[in-house]
Amino acid sequence: MSRKSSGGLVFSTEQGRMCPECRNPVDDCTCHQTQRPAGDGVVRVSRETKGRKGKGVTLITGIPLNDKELKAYAKVLKAKCGTGGTVKDGVVEIQGDQRNLLVPLLEQKGWVVKRSGG
């Protein structure tokens, strides 16, 4: 079996894991960038405790960025709030009830922002 047919370079000590299709480092992979539906153009900020043992998180949905940009922007939002959080399936989760702080930050980017839920 030749190297070409087995997918090529999979790991490099210089860059870590490599994408077998575009042969870029996995963090810079361009072939698997997921495109989410455009939605209605409204960024929604809500609070949820379901499935978190009573701990509340602020959910931000509808941000019109690709996955890589969304992850970087979530890092900025977490730093502004001084809390932790994550990005799951295009939804930014920030620990605690941060809606009052996040809505003005999102509006500064020029997006239409609505508070949804309780």
PDB file of N, CA and C in Angstrom:
ATOM      1  N   MET A   1       0.842  -1.172   0.000  1.00  0.00           N
ATOM      2  CA  MET A   1       0.000   0.000   0.000  1.00  0.00           C
ATOM      3  C   MET A   1       0.889   1.237   0.000  1.00  0.00           C
ATOM      4  N   SER A   2       0.653   2.125  -0.916  1.00  0.00           N
ATOM      5  CA  SER A   2       1.499   3.304  -1.004  1.00  0.00           C
ATOM      6  C   SER A   2       1.063   4.374  -0.009  1.00  0.00           C
ATOM      7  N   ARG A   3       1.951   5.287   0.246  1.00  0.00           N
ATOM      8  CA  ARG A   3       1.673   6.367   1.194  1.00  0.00           C
ATOM      9  C   ARG A   3       0.500   7.242   0.722  1.00  0.00           C
ATOM     10  N   LYS A   4       0.409   7.453  -0.574  1.00  0.00           N
ATOM     11  CA  LYS A   4      -0.641   8.301  -1.142  1.00  0.00           C
ATOM     12  C   LYS A   4      -2.028   7.695  -0.903  1.00  0.00           C
ATOM     13  N   SER A   5      -2.176   6.416  -1.081  1.00  0.00           N
ATOM     14  CA  SER A   5      -3.487   5.789  -0.936  1.00  0.00           C
ATOM     15  C   SER A   5      -3.913   5.638   0.518  1.00  0.00           C
ATOM     16  N   SER A   6      -2.959   5.690   1.451  1.00  0.00           N
ATOM     17  CA  SER A   6      -3.321   5.548   2.864  1.00  0.00           C
ATOM     18  C   SER A   6      -3.702   6.886   3.490  1.00  0.00           C
ATOM     19  N   GLY A   7      -3.747   7.959   2.732  1.00  0.00           N
ATOM     20  CA  GLY A   7      -4.187   9.244   3.265  1.00  0.00           C
ATOM     21  C   GLY A   7      -3.057  10.218   3.505  1.00  0.00           C
ATOM     22  N   GLY A   8      -1.815   9.805   3.369  1.00  0.00           N
ATOM     23  CA  GLY A   8      -0.703  10.730   3.536  1.00  0.00           C
ATOM     24  C   GLY A   8      -0.340  10.945   4.986  1.00  0.00           C
ATOM     25  N   LEU A   9       0.314  12.054   5.237  1.00  0.00           N
ATOM     26  CA  LEU A   9       0.796  12.412   6.553  1.00  0.00           C
ATOM     27  C   LEU A   9      -0.371  12.620   7.515  1.00  0.00           C
ATOM     28  N   VAL A  10      -0.348  11.932   8.654  1.00  0.00           N
ATOM     29  CA  VAL A  10      -1.423  12.031   9.631  1.00  0.00           C
ATOM     30  C   VAL A  10      -0.970  12.799  10.866  1.00  0.00           C
ATOM     31  N   PHE A  11       0.310  12.721  11.208  1.00  0.00           N
ATOM     32  CA  PHE A  11       0.821  13.408  12.382  1.00  0.00           C
ATOM     33  C   PHE A  11       2.207  13.945  12.072  1.00  0.00           C
ATOM     34  N   SER A  12       2.468  15.144  12.528  1.00  0.00           N
ATOM     35  CA  SER A  12       3.777  15.745  12.356  1.00  0.00           C
ATOM     36  C   SER A  12       4.231  16.264  13.707  1.00  0.00           C
ATOM     37  N   THR A  13       5.486  16.016  14.064  1.00  0.00           N
ATOM     38  CA  THR A  13       5.986  16.506  15.349  1.00  0.00           C
ATOM     39  C   THR A  13       6.073  18.024  15.346  1.00  0.00           C
ATOM     40  N   GLU A  14       6.098  18.614  14.166  1.00  0.00           N
ATOM     41  CA  GLU A  14       6.191  20.063  14.056  1.00  0.00           C
ATOM     42  C   GLU A  14       4.831  20.742  14.243  1.00  0.00           C
ATOM     43  N   GLN A  15       3.757  20.155  13.667  1.00  0.00           N
ATOM     44  CA  GLN A  15       2.452  20.806  13.680  1.00  0.00           C
ATOM     45  C   GLN A  15       1.367  19.988  14.360  1.00  0.00           C
ATOM     46  N   GLY A  16       1.619  18.780  14.785  1.00  0.00           N
ATOM     47  CA  GLY A  16       0.590  17.952  15.426  1.00  0.00           C
ATOM     48  C   GLY A  16      -0.233  17.192  14.402  1.00  0.00           C
ATOM     49  N   ARG A  17      -1.508  16.961  14.710  1.00  0.00           N
ATOM     50  CA  ARG A  17      -2.382  16.190  13.824  1.00  0.00           C
ATOM     51  C   ARG A  17      -2.620  16.925  12.514  1.00  0.00           C
ATOM     52  N   MET A  18      -2.618  16.159  11.426  1.00  0.00           N
ATOM     53  CA  MET A  18      -2.804  16.715  10.094  1.00  0.00           C
ATOM     54  C   MET A  18      -4.093  16.183   9.491  1.00  0.00           C
ATOM     55  N   CYS A  19      -4.787  16.999   8.723  1.00  0.00           N
ATOM     56  CA  CYS A  19      -5.979  16.571   8.001  1.00  0.00           C
ATOM     57  C   CYS A  19      -5.532  15.752   6.799  1.00  0.00           C
ATOM     58  N   PRO A  20      -6.057  14.537   6.633  1.00  0.00           N
ATOM     59  CA  PRO A  20      -5.617  13.709   5.509  1.00  0.00           C
ATOM     60  C   PRO A  20      -6.088  14.222   4.150  1.00  0.00           C
ATOM     61  N   GLU A  21      -7.115  15.077   4.109  1.00  0.00           N
ATOM     62  CA  GLU A  21      -7.629  15.544   2.821  1.00  0.00           C
ATOM     63  C   GLU A  21      -6.909  16.788   2.320  1.00  0.00           C
ATOM     64  N   CYS A  22      -6.854  17.851   3.142  1.00  0.00           N
ATOM     65  CA  CYS A  22      -6.214  19.084   2.679  1.00  0.00           C
ATOM     66  C   CYS A  22      -4.750  19.168   3.111  1.00  0.00           C
ATOM     67  N   ARG A  23      -4.329  18.248   3.966  1.00  0.00           N
ATOM     68  CA  ARG A  23      -2.945  18.123   4.437  1.00  0.00           C
ATOM     69  C   ARG A  23      -2.449  19.354   5.204  1.00  0.00           C
ATOM     70  N   ASN A  24      -3.381  20.082   5.802  1.00  0.00           N
ATOM     71  CA  ASN A  24      -3.043  21.189   6.691  1.00  0.00           C
ATOM     72  C   ASN A  24      -3.152  20.694   8.124  1.00  0.00           C
ATOM     73  N   PRO A  25      -2.552  21.407   9.093  1.00  0.00           N
ATOM     74  CA  PRO A  25      -2.786  21.042  10.489  1.00  0.00           C
ATOM     75  C   PRO A  25      -4.286  21.062  10.786  1.00  0.00           C
ATOM     76  N   VAL A  26      -4.770  20.181  11.675  1.00  0.00           N
ATOM     77  CA  VAL A  26      -6.195  20.051  11.954  1.00  0.00           C
ATOM     78  C   VAL A  26      -6.804  21.382  12.374  1.00  0.00           C
ATOM     79  N   ASP A  27      -6.083  22.206  13.140  1.00  0.00           N
ATOM     80  CA  ASP A  27      -6.606  23.502  13.560  1.00  0.00           C
ATOM     81  C   ASP A  27      -6.816  24.455  12.382  1.00  0.00           C
ATOM     82  N   ASP A  28      -6.059  24.275  11.302  1.00  0.00           N
ATOM     83  CA  ASP A  28      -6.161  25.137  10.130  1.00  0.00           C
ATOM     84  C   ASP A  28      -6.853  24.455   8.956  1.00  0.00           C
ATOM     85  N   CYS A  29      -7.524  23.340   9.205  1.00  0.00           N
ATOM     86  CA  CYS A  29      -8.185  22.568   8.158  1.00  0.00           C
ATOM     87  C   CYS A  29      -9.247  23.418   7.472  1.00  0.00           C
ATOM     88  N   THR A  30      -9.219  23.413   6.135  1.00  0.00           N
ATOM     89  CA  THR A  30     -10.186  24.203   5.378  1.00  0.00           C
ATOM     90  C   THR A  30     -11.250  23.342   4.723  1.00  0.00           C
ATOM     91  N   CYS A  31     -11.071  22.045   4.698  1.00  0.00           N
ATOM     92  CA  CYS A  31     -12.021  21.194   3.989  1.00  0.00           C
ATOM     93  C   CYS A  31     -13.218  20.786   4.841  1.00  0.00           C
ATOM     94  N   HIS A  32     -13.146  20.894   6.162  1.00  0.00           N
ATOM     95  CA  HIS A  32     -14.236  20.456   7.018  1.00  0.00           C
ATOM     96  C   HIS A  32     -14.881  21.592   7.796  1.00  0.00           C
ATOM     97  N   GLN A  33     -14.788  22.819   7.292  1.00  0.00           N
ATOM     98  CA  GLN A  33     -15.447  23.924   7.979  1.00  0.00           C
ATOM     99  C   GLN A  33     -16.948  23.770   7.769  1.00  0.00           C
ATOM    100  N   THR A  34     -17.654  23.590   8.866  1.00  0.00           N
ATOM    101  CA  THR A  34     -19.090  23.366   8.771  1.00  0.00           C
ATOM    102  C   THR A  34     -19.805  24.682   8.533  1.00  0.00           C
ATOM    103  N   GLN A  35     -20.750  24.640   7.633  1.00  0.00           N
ATOM    104  CA  GLN A  35     -21.569  25.804   7.341  1.00  0.00           C
ATOM    105  C   GLN A  35     -22.922  25.607   8.012  1.00  0.00           C
ATOM    106  N   ARG A  36     -23.259  26.482   8.929  1.00  0.00           N
ATOM    107  CA  ARG A  36     -24.544  26.416   9.600  1.00  0.00           C
ATOM    108  C   ARG A  36     -25.562  27.185   8.783  1.00  0.00           C
ATOM    109  N   PRO A  37     -26.836  26.843   8.916  1.00  0.00           N
ATOM    110  CA  PRO A  37     -27.858  27.632   8.225  1.00  0.00           C
ATOM    111  C   PRO A  37     -27.805  29.092   8.664  1.00  0.00           C
ATOM    112  N   ALA A  38     -28.108  29.982   7.764  1.00  0.00           N
ATOM    113  CA  ALA A  38     -27.984  31.412   8.040  1.00  0.00           C
ATOM    114  C   ALA A  38     -28.925  31.887   9.144  1.00  0.00           C
ATOM    115  N   GLY A  39     -30.062  31.248   9.309  1.00  0.00           N
ATOM    116  CA  GLY A  39     -31.000  31.661  10.348  1.00  0.00           C
ATOM    117  C   GLY A  39     -31.736  32.928   9.943  1.00  0.00           C
ATOM    118  N   ASP A  40     -32.263  33.655  10.936  1.00  0.00           N
ATOM    119  CA  ASP A  40     -33.048  34.846  10.644  1.00  0.00           C
ATOM    120  C   ASP A  40     -32.260  36.139  10.868  1.00  0.00           C
ATOM    121  N   GLY A  41     -30.972  36.041  11.152  1.00  0.00           N
ATOM    122  CA  GLY A  41     -30.139  37.225  11.314  1.00  0.00           C
ATOM    123  C   GLY A  41     -30.212  37.868  12.684  1.00  0.00           C
ATOM    124  N   VAL A  42     -30.838  37.184  13.647  1.00  0.00           N
ATOM    125  CA  VAL A  42     -30.974  37.725  14.995  1.00  0.00           C
ATOM    126  C   VAL A  42     -30.118  36.894  15.944  1.00  0.00           C
ATOM    127  N   VAL A  43     -29.297  37.577  16.746  1.00  0.00           N
ATOM    128  CA  VAL A  43     -28.503  36.911  17.772  1.00  0.00           C
ATOM    129  C   VAL A  43     -29.354  36.869  19.031  1.00  0.00           C
ATOM    130  N   ARG A  44     -29.569  35.673  19.561  1.00  0.00           N
ATOM    131  CA  ARG A  44     -30.414  35.525  20.743  1.00  0.00           C
ATOM    132  C   ARG A  44     -29.564  35.168  21.958  1.00  0.00           C
ATOM    133  N   VAL A  45     -29.860  35.853  23.074  1.00  0.00           N
ATOM    134  CA  VAL A  45     -29.147  35.639  24.332  1.00  0.00           C
ATOM    135  C   VAL A  45     -30.169  35.134  25.342  1.00  0.00           C
ATOM    136  N   SER A  46     -29.932  33.939  25.884  1.00  0.00           N
ATOM    137  CA  SER A  46     -30.879  33.368  26.842  1.00  0.00           C
ATOM    138  C   SER A  46     -30.127  32.735  28.003  1.00  0.00           C
ATOM    139  N   ARG A  47     -30.879  32.372  29.026  1.00  0.00           N
ATOM    140  CA  ARG A  47     -30.311  31.727  30.203  1.00  0.00           C
ATOM    141  C   ARG A  47     -30.941  30.360  30.344  1.00  0.00           C
ATOM    142  N   GLU A  48     -30.128  29.367  30.732  1.00  0.00           N
ATOM    143  CA  GLU A  48     -30.628  28.004  30.859  1.00  0.00           C
ATOM    144  C   GLU A  48     -29.965  27.307  32.035  1.00  0.00           C
ATOM    145  N   THR A  49     -30.744  26.485  32.744  1.00  0.00           N
ATOM    146  CA  THR A  49     -30.202  25.688  33.849  1.00  0.00           C
ATOM    147  C   THR A  49     -30.445  24.201  33.621  1.00  0.00           C
ATOM    148  N   LYS A  50     -31.237  23.860  32.636  1.00  0.00           N
ATOM    149  CA  LYS A  50     -31.631  22.479  32.381  1.00  0.00           C
ATOM    150  C   LYS A  50     -30.417  21.569  32.139  1.00  0.00           C
ATOM    151  N   GLY A  51     -30.346  20.477  32.877  1.00  0.00           N
ATOM    152  CA  GLY A  51     -29.272  19.509  32.694  1.00  0.00           C
ATOM    153  C   GLY A  51     -27.940  19.927  33.277  1.00  0.00           C
ATOM    154  N   ARG A  52     -27.939  20.974  34.098  1.00  0.00           N
ATOM    155  CA  ARG A  52     -26.677  21.477  34.654  1.00  0.00           C
ATOM    156  C   ARG A  52     -26.704  21.515  36.174  1.00  0.00           C
ATOM    157  N   LYS A  53     -27.547  20.685  36.780  1.00  0.00           N
ATOM    158  CA  LYS A  53     -27.654  20.581  38.240  1.00  0.00           C
ATOM    159  C   LYS A  53     -27.931  21.936  38.885  1.00  0.00           C
ATOM    160  N   GLY A  54     -28.789  22.738  38.259  1.00  0.00           N
ATOM    161  CA  GLY A  54     -29.177  24.023  38.815  1.00  0.00           C
ATOM    162  C   GLY A  54     -28.233  25.166  38.512  1.00  0.00           C
ATOM    163  N   LYS A  55     -27.091  24.882  37.922  1.00  0.00           N
ATOM    164  CA  LYS A  55     -26.134  25.945  37.574  1.00  0.00           C
ATOM    165  C   LYS A  55     -26.584  26.611  36.279  1.00  0.00           C
ATOM    166  N   GLY A  56     -26.683  27.914  36.286  1.00  0.00           N
ATOM    167  CA  GLY A  56     -27.139  28.634  35.106  1.00  0.00           C
ATOM    168  C   GLY A  56     -26.011  28.961  34.151  1.00  0.00           C
ATOM    169  N   VAL A  57     -26.336  28.937  32.871  1.00  0.00           N
ATOM    170  CA  VAL A  57     -25.401  29.384  31.835  1.00  0.00           C
ATOM    171  C   VAL A  57     -26.149  30.322  30.899  1.00  0.00           C
ATOM    172  N   THR A  58     -25.428  31.204  30.270  1.00  0.00           N
ATOM    173  CA  THR A  58     -25.987  32.100  29.271  1.00  0.00           C
ATOM    174  C   THR A  58     -25.678  31.513  27.904  1.00  0.00           C
ATOM    175  N   LEU A  59     -26.710  31.328  27.086  1.00  0.00           N
ATOM    176  CA  LEU A  59     -26.554  30.778  25.747  1.00  0.00           C
ATOM    177  C   LEU A  59     -26.669  31.898  24.717  1.00  0.00           C
ATOM    178  N   ILE A  60     -25.770  31.897  23.749  1.00  0.00           N
ATOM    179  CA  ILE A  60     -25.806  32.879  22.667  1.00  0.00           C
ATOM    180  C   ILE A  60     -25.907  32.098  21.366  1.00  0.00           C
ATOM    181  N   THR A  61     -27.008  32.287  20.641  1.00  0.00           N
ATOM    182  CA  THR A  61     -27.221  31.581  19.379  1.00  0.00           C
ATOM    183  C   THR A  61     -27.375  32.590  18.247  1.00  0.00           C
ATOM    184  N   GLY A  62     -27.070  32.137  17.043  1.00  0.00           N
ATOM    185  CA  GLY A  62     -27.284  32.959  15.855  1.00  0.00           C
ATOM    186  C   GLY A  62     -26.156  33.898  15.495  1.00  0.00           C
ATOM    187  N   ILE A  63     -24.978  33.726  16.093  1.00  0.00           N
ATOM    188  CA  ILE A  63     -23.853  34.603  15.736  1.00  0.00           C
ATOM    189  C   ILE A  63     -23.373  34.210  14.331  1.00  0.00           C
ATOM    190  N   PRO A  64     -23.349  35.157  13.388  1.00  0.00           N
ATOM    191  CA  PRO A  64     -23.014  34.831  12.003  1.00  0.00           C
ATOM    192  C   PRO A  64     -21.511  34.746  11.745  1.00  0.00           C
ATOM    193  N   LEU A  65     -20.850  33.772  12.367  1.00  0.00           N
ATOM    194  CA  LEU A  65     -19.417  33.554  12.177  1.00  0.00           C
ATOM    195  C   LEU A  65     -19.188  32.078  11.903  1.00  0.00           C
ATOM    196  N   ASN A  66     -18.078  31.757  11.208  1.00  0.00           N
ATOM    197  CA  ASN A  66     -17.759  30.342  11.025  1.00  0.00           C
ATOM    198  C   ASN A  66     -17.172  29.799  12.335  1.00  0.00           C
ATOM    199  N   ASP A  67     -16.949  28.494  12.384  1.00  0.00           N
ATOM    200  CA  ASP A  67     -16.553  27.846  13.638  1.00  0.00           C
ATOM    201  C   ASP A  67     -15.281  28.414  14.247  1.00  0.00           C
ATOM    202  N   LYS A  68     -14.278  28.665  13.415  1.00  0.00           N
ATOM    203  CA  LYS A  68     -12.999  29.155  13.926  1.00  0.00           C
ATOM    204  C   LYS A  68     -13.148  30.568  14.502  1.00  0.00           C
ATOM    205  N   GLU A  69     -13.851  31.443  13.770  1.00  0.00           N
ATOM    206  CA  GLU A  69     -14.068  32.809  14.241  1.00  0.00           C
ATOM    207  C   GLU A  69     -14.955  32.831  15.479  1.00  0.00           C
ATOM    208  N   LEU A  70     -15.940  31.933  15.521  1.00  0.00           N
ATOM    209  CA  LEU A  70     -16.850  31.869  16.664  1.00  0.00           C
ATOM    210  C   LEU A  70     -16.105  31.471  17.935  1.00  0.00           C
ATOM    211  N   LYS A  71     -15.201  30.525  17.801  1.00  0.00           N
ATOM    212  CA  LYS A  71     -14.415  30.087  18.954  1.00  0.00           C
ATOM    213  C   LYS A  71     -13.530  31.223  19.476  1.00  0.00           C
ATOM    214  N   ALA A  72     -12.934  31.974  18.579  1.00  0.00           N
ATOM    215  CA  ALA A  72     -12.088  33.108  18.979  1.00  0.00           C
ATOM    216  C   ALA A  72     -12.931  34.210  19.620  1.00  0.00           C
ATOM    217  N   TYR A  73     -14.116  34.469  19.063  1.00  0.00           N
ATOM    218  CA  TYR A  73     -14.979  35.509  19.627  1.00  0.00           C
ATOM    219  C   TYR A  73     -15.524  35.077  20.990  1.00  0.00           C
ATOM    220  N   ALA A  74     -15.800  33.784  21.153  1.00  0.00           N
ATOM    221  CA  ALA A  74     -16.259  33.280  22.452  1.00  0.00           C
ATOM    222  C   ALA A  74     -15.185  33.490  23.511  1.00  0.00           C
ATOM    223  N   LYS A  75     -13.940  33.345  23.129  1.00  0.00           N
ATOM    224  CA  LYS A  75     -12.842  33.567  24.067  1.00  0.00           C
ATOM    225  C   LYS A  75     -12.824  35.020  24.535  1.00  0.00           C
ATOM    226  N   VAL A  76     -13.081  35.954  23.632  1.00  0.00           N
ATOM    227  CA  VAL A  76     -13.139  37.369  23.984  1.00  0.00           C
ATOM    228  C   VAL A  76     -14.306  37.626  24.938  1.00  0.00           C
ATOM    229  N   LEU A  77     -15.471  37.041  24.639  1.00  0.00           N
ATOM    230  CA  LEU A  77     -16.642  37.225  25.500  1.00  0.00           C
ATOM    231  C   LEU A  77     -16.409  36.659  26.896  1.00  0.00           C
ATOM    232  N   LYS A  78     -15.783  35.493  26.977  1.00  0.00           N
ATOM    233  CA  LYS A  78     -15.497  34.886  28.277  1.00  0.00           C
ATOM    234  C   LYS A  78     -14.559  35.775  29.087  1.00  0.00           C
ATOM    235  N   ALA A  79     -13.583  36.375  28.418  1.00  0.00           N
ATOM    236  CA  ALA A  79     -12.644  37.256  29.115  1.00  0.00           C
ATOM    237  C   ALA A  79     -13.352  38.510  29.632  1.00  0.00           C
ATOM    238  N   LYS A  80     -14.263  39.071  28.833  1.00  0.00           N
ATOM    239  CA  LYS A  80     -15.010  40.257  29.253  1.00  0.00           C
ATOM    240  C   LYS A  80     -15.889  39.949  30.465  1.00  0.00           C
ATOM    241  N   CYS A  81     -16.443  38.731  30.507  1.00  0.00           N
ATOM    242  CA  CYS A  81     -17.314  38.339  31.615  1.00  0.00           C
ATOM    243  C   CYS A  81     -16.521  37.849  32.820  1.00  0.00           C
ATOM    244  N   GLY A  82     -15.290  37.445  32.607  1.00  0.00           N
ATOM    245  CA  GLY A  82     -14.471  36.928  33.696  1.00  0.00           C
ATOM    246  C   GLY A  82     -14.895  35.539  34.136  1.00  0.00           C
ATOM    247  N   THR A  83     -15.463  34.768  33.209  1.00  0.00           N
ATOM    248  CA  THR A  83     -15.920  33.419  33.527  1.00  0.00           C
ATOM    249  C   THR A  83     -15.483  32.453  32.437  1.00  0.00           C
ATOM    250  N   GLY A  84     -15.825  31.200  32.647  1.00  0.00           N
ATOM    251  CA  GLY A  84     -15.522  30.175  31.664  1.00  0.00           C
ATOM    252  C   GLY A  84     -16.687  29.981  30.719  1.00  0.00           C
ATOM    253  N   GLY A  85     -16.506  29.063  29.800  1.00  0.00           N
ATOM    254  CA  GLY A  85     -17.565  28.761  28.855  1.00  0.00           C
ATOM    255  C   GLY A  85     -17.052  27.871  27.752  1.00  0.00           C
ATOM    256  N   THR A  86     -17.892  27.621  26.757  1.00  0.00           N
ATOM    257  CA  THR A  86     -17.534  26.747  25.656  1.00  0.00           C
ATOM    258  C   THR A  86     -18.366  27.090  24.432  1.00  0.00           C
ATOM    259  N   VAL A  87     -18.010  26.464  23.304  1.00  0.00           N
ATOM    260  CA  VAL A  87     -18.793  26.569  22.074  1.00  0.00           C
ATOM    261  C   VAL A  87     -19.195  25.154  21.686  1.00  0.00           C
ATOM    262  N   LYS A  88     -20.499  24.923  21.558  1.00  0.00           N
ATOM    263  CA  LYS A  88     -21.010  23.610  21.163  1.00  0.00           C
ATOM    264  C   LYS A  88     -22.007  23.785  20.030  1.00  0.00           C
ATOM    265  N   ASP A  89     -21.729  23.192  18.886  1.00  0.00           N
ATOM    266  CA  ASP A  89     -22.633  23.218  17.732  1.00  0.00           C
ATOM    267  C   ASP A  89     -23.094  24.623  17.364  1.00  0.00           C
ATOM    268  N   GLY A  90     -22.193  25.580  17.377  1.00  0.00           N
ATOM    269  CA  GLY A  90     -22.526  26.937  16.989  1.00  0.00           C
ATOM    270  C   GLY A  90     -23.205  27.761  18.072  1.00  0.00           C
ATOM    271  N   VAL A  91     -23.324  27.209  19.277  1.00  0.00           N
ATOM    272  CA  VAL A  91     -23.938  27.918  20.400  1.00  0.00           C
ATOM    273  C   VAL A  91     -22.850  28.221  21.423  1.00  0.00           C
ATOM    274  N   VAL A  92     -22.724  29.495  21.803  1.00  0.00           N
ATOM    275  CA  VAL A  92     -21.740  29.892  22.807  1.00  0.00           C
ATOM    276  C   VAL A  92     -22.397  29.783  24.177  1.00  0.00           C
ATOM    277  N   GLU A  93     -21.747  29.075  25.094  1.00  0.00           N
ATOM    278  CA  GLU A  93     -22.231  28.939  26.460  1.00  0.00           C
ATOM    279  C   GLU A  93     -21.252  29.660  27.383  1.00  0.00           C
ATOM    280  N   ILE A  94     -21.778  30.620  28.148  1.00  0.00           N
ATOM    281  CA  ILE A  94     -20.974  31.370  29.115  1.00  0.00           C
ATOM    282  C   ILE A  94     -21.520  31.054  30.502  1.00  0.00           C
ATOM    283  N   GLN A  95     -20.652  30.727  31.434  1.00  0.00           N
ATOM    284  CA  GLN A  95     -21.093  30.360  32.778  1.00  0.00           C
ATOM    285  C   GLN A  95     -21.734  31.543  33.490  1.00  0.00           C
ATOM    286  N   GLY A  96     -22.831  31.257  34.193  1.00  0.00           N
ATOM    287  CA  GLY A  96     -23.515  32.289  34.969  1.00  0.00           C
ATOM    288  C   GLY A  96     -24.500  33.086  34.136  1.00  0.00           C
ATOM    289  N   ASP A  97     -25.243  33.970  34.796  1.00  0.00           N
ATOM    290  CA  ASP A  97     -26.198  34.833  34.109  1.00  0.00           C
ATOM    291  C   ASP A  97     -25.480  36.115  33.701  1.00  0.00           C
ATOM    292  N   GLN A  98     -25.028  36.173  32.464  1.00  0.00           N
ATOM    293  CA  GLN A  98     -24.229  37.287  31.958  1.00  0.00           C
ATOM    294  C   GLN A  98     -24.983  38.099  30.904  1.00  0.00           C
ATOM    295  N   ARG A  99     -26.308  37.934  30.829  1.00  0.00           N
ATOM    296  CA  ARG A  99     -27.084  38.570  29.758  1.00  0.00           C
ATOM    297  C   ARG A  99     -26.938  40.086  29.744  1.00  0.00           C
ATOM    298  N   ASN A 100     -26.974  40.722  30.909  1.00  0.00           N
ATOM    299  CA  ASN A 100     -26.891  42.187  30.958  1.00  0.00           C
ATOM    300  C   ASN A 100     -25.554  42.707  30.431  1.00  0.00           C
ATOM    301  N   LEU A 101     -24.506  41.939  30.586  1.00  0.00           N
ATOM    302  CA  LEU A 101     -23.180  42.327  30.107  1.00  0.00           C
ATOM    303  C   LEU A 101     -22.994  42.000  28.632  1.00  0.00           C
ATOM    304  N   LEU A 102     -23.563  40.874  28.187  1.00  0.00           N
ATOM    305  CA  LEU A 102     -23.314  40.402  26.824  1.00  0.00           C
ATOM    306  C   LEU A 102     -24.124  41.132  25.753  1.00  0.00           C
ATOM    307  N   VAL A 103     -25.359  41.514  26.066  1.00  0.00           N
ATOM    308  CA  VAL A 103     -26.201  42.150  25.043  1.00  0.00           C
ATOM    309  C   VAL A 103     -25.543  43.411  24.474  1.00  0.00           C
ATOM    310  N   PRO A 104     -25.047  44.352  25.296  1.00  0.00           N
ATOM    311  CA  PRO A 104     -24.381  45.537  24.708  1.00  0.00           C
ATOM    312  C   PRO A 104     -23.114  45.183  23.913  1.00  0.00           C
ATOM    313  N   LEU A 105     -22.359  44.168  24.367  1.00  0.00           N
ATOM    314  CA  LEU A 105     -21.144  43.769  23.641  1.00  0.00           C
ATOM    315  C   LEU A 105     -21.487  43.241  22.250  1.00  0.00           C
ATOM    316  N   LEU A 106     -22.560  42.469  22.167  1.00  0.00           N
ATOM    317  CA  LEU A 106     -22.970  41.923  20.875  1.00  0.00           C
ATOM    318  C   LEU A 106     -23.548  43.009  19.969  1.00  0.00           C
ATOM    319  N   GLU A 107     -24.260  43.964  20.552  1.00  0.00           N
ATOM    320  CA  GLU A 107     -24.819  45.055  19.754  1.00  0.00           C
ATOM    321  C   GLU A 107     -23.723  45.946  19.186  1.00  0.00           C
ATOM    322  N   GLN A 108     -22.587  46.058  19.872  1.00  0.00           N
ATOM    323  CA  GLN A 108     -21.464  46.863  19.379  1.00  0.00           C
ATOM    324  C   GLN A 108     -20.914  46.306  18.072  1.00  0.00           C
ATOM    325  N   LYS A 109     -21.082  45.008  17.855  1.00  0.00           N
ATOM    326  CA  LYS A 109     -20.614  44.382  16.612  1.00  0.00           C
ATOM    327  C   LYS A 109     -21.569  44.660  15.449  1.00  0.00           C
ATOM    328  N   GLY A 110     -22.712  45.308  15.729  1.00  0.00           N
ATOM    329  CA  GLY A 110     -23.654  45.650  14.674  1.00  0.00           C
ATOM    330  C   GLY A 110     -24.726  44.599  14.438  1.00  0.00           C
ATOM    331  N   TRP A 111     -24.837  43.623  15.300  1.00  0.00           N
ATOM    332  CA  TRP A 111     -25.838  42.577  15.145  1.00  0.00           C
ATOM    333  C   TRP A 111     -27.135  42.974  15.844  1.00  0.00           C
ATOM    334  N   VAL A 112     -28.258  42.461  15.347  1.00  0.00           N
ATOM    335  CA  VAL A 112     -29.547  42.632  16.016  1.00  0.00           C
ATOM    336  C   VAL A 112     -29.584  41.600  17.138  1.00  0.00           C
ATOM    337  N   VAL A 113     -29.738  42.053  18.384  1.00  0.00           N
ATOM    338  CA  VAL A 113     -29.667  41.166  19.542  1.00  0.00           C
ATOM    339  C   VAL A 113     -30.993  41.198  20.288  1.00  0.00           C
ATOM    340  N   LYS A 114     -31.481  40.011  20.648  1.00  0.00           N
ATOM    341  CA  LYS A 114     -32.712  39.897  21.426  1.00  0.00           C
ATOM    342  C   LYS A 114     -32.462  39.022  22.616  1.00  0.00           C
ATOM    343  N   ARG A 115     -33.047  39.412  23.747  1.00  0.00           N
ATOM    344  CA  ARG A 115     -33.041  38.561  24.933  1.00  0.00           C
ATOM    345  C   ARG A 115     -34.191  37.584  24.776  1.00  0.00           C
ATOM    346  N   SER A 116     -33.934  36.306  24.957  1.00  0.00           N
ATOM    347  CA  SER A 116     -35.002  35.325  24.834  1.00  0.00           C
ATOM    348  C   SER A 116     -35.033  34.462  26.089  1.00  0.00           C
ATOM    349  N   GLY A 117     -36.202  33.932  26.395  1.00  0.00           N
ATOM    350  CA  GLY A 117     -36.348  33.119  27.597  1.00  0.00           C
ATOM    351  C   GLY A 117     -36.391  33.994  28.832  1.00  0.00           C
ATOM    352  N   GLY A 118     -36.587  33.340  30.003  1.00  0.00           N
ATOM    353  CA  GLY A 118     -36.720  33.997  31.299  1.00  0.00           C
ATOM    354  C   GLY A 118     -35.856  35.094  31.544  1.00  0.00           C
TER     355      GLY A 118
END
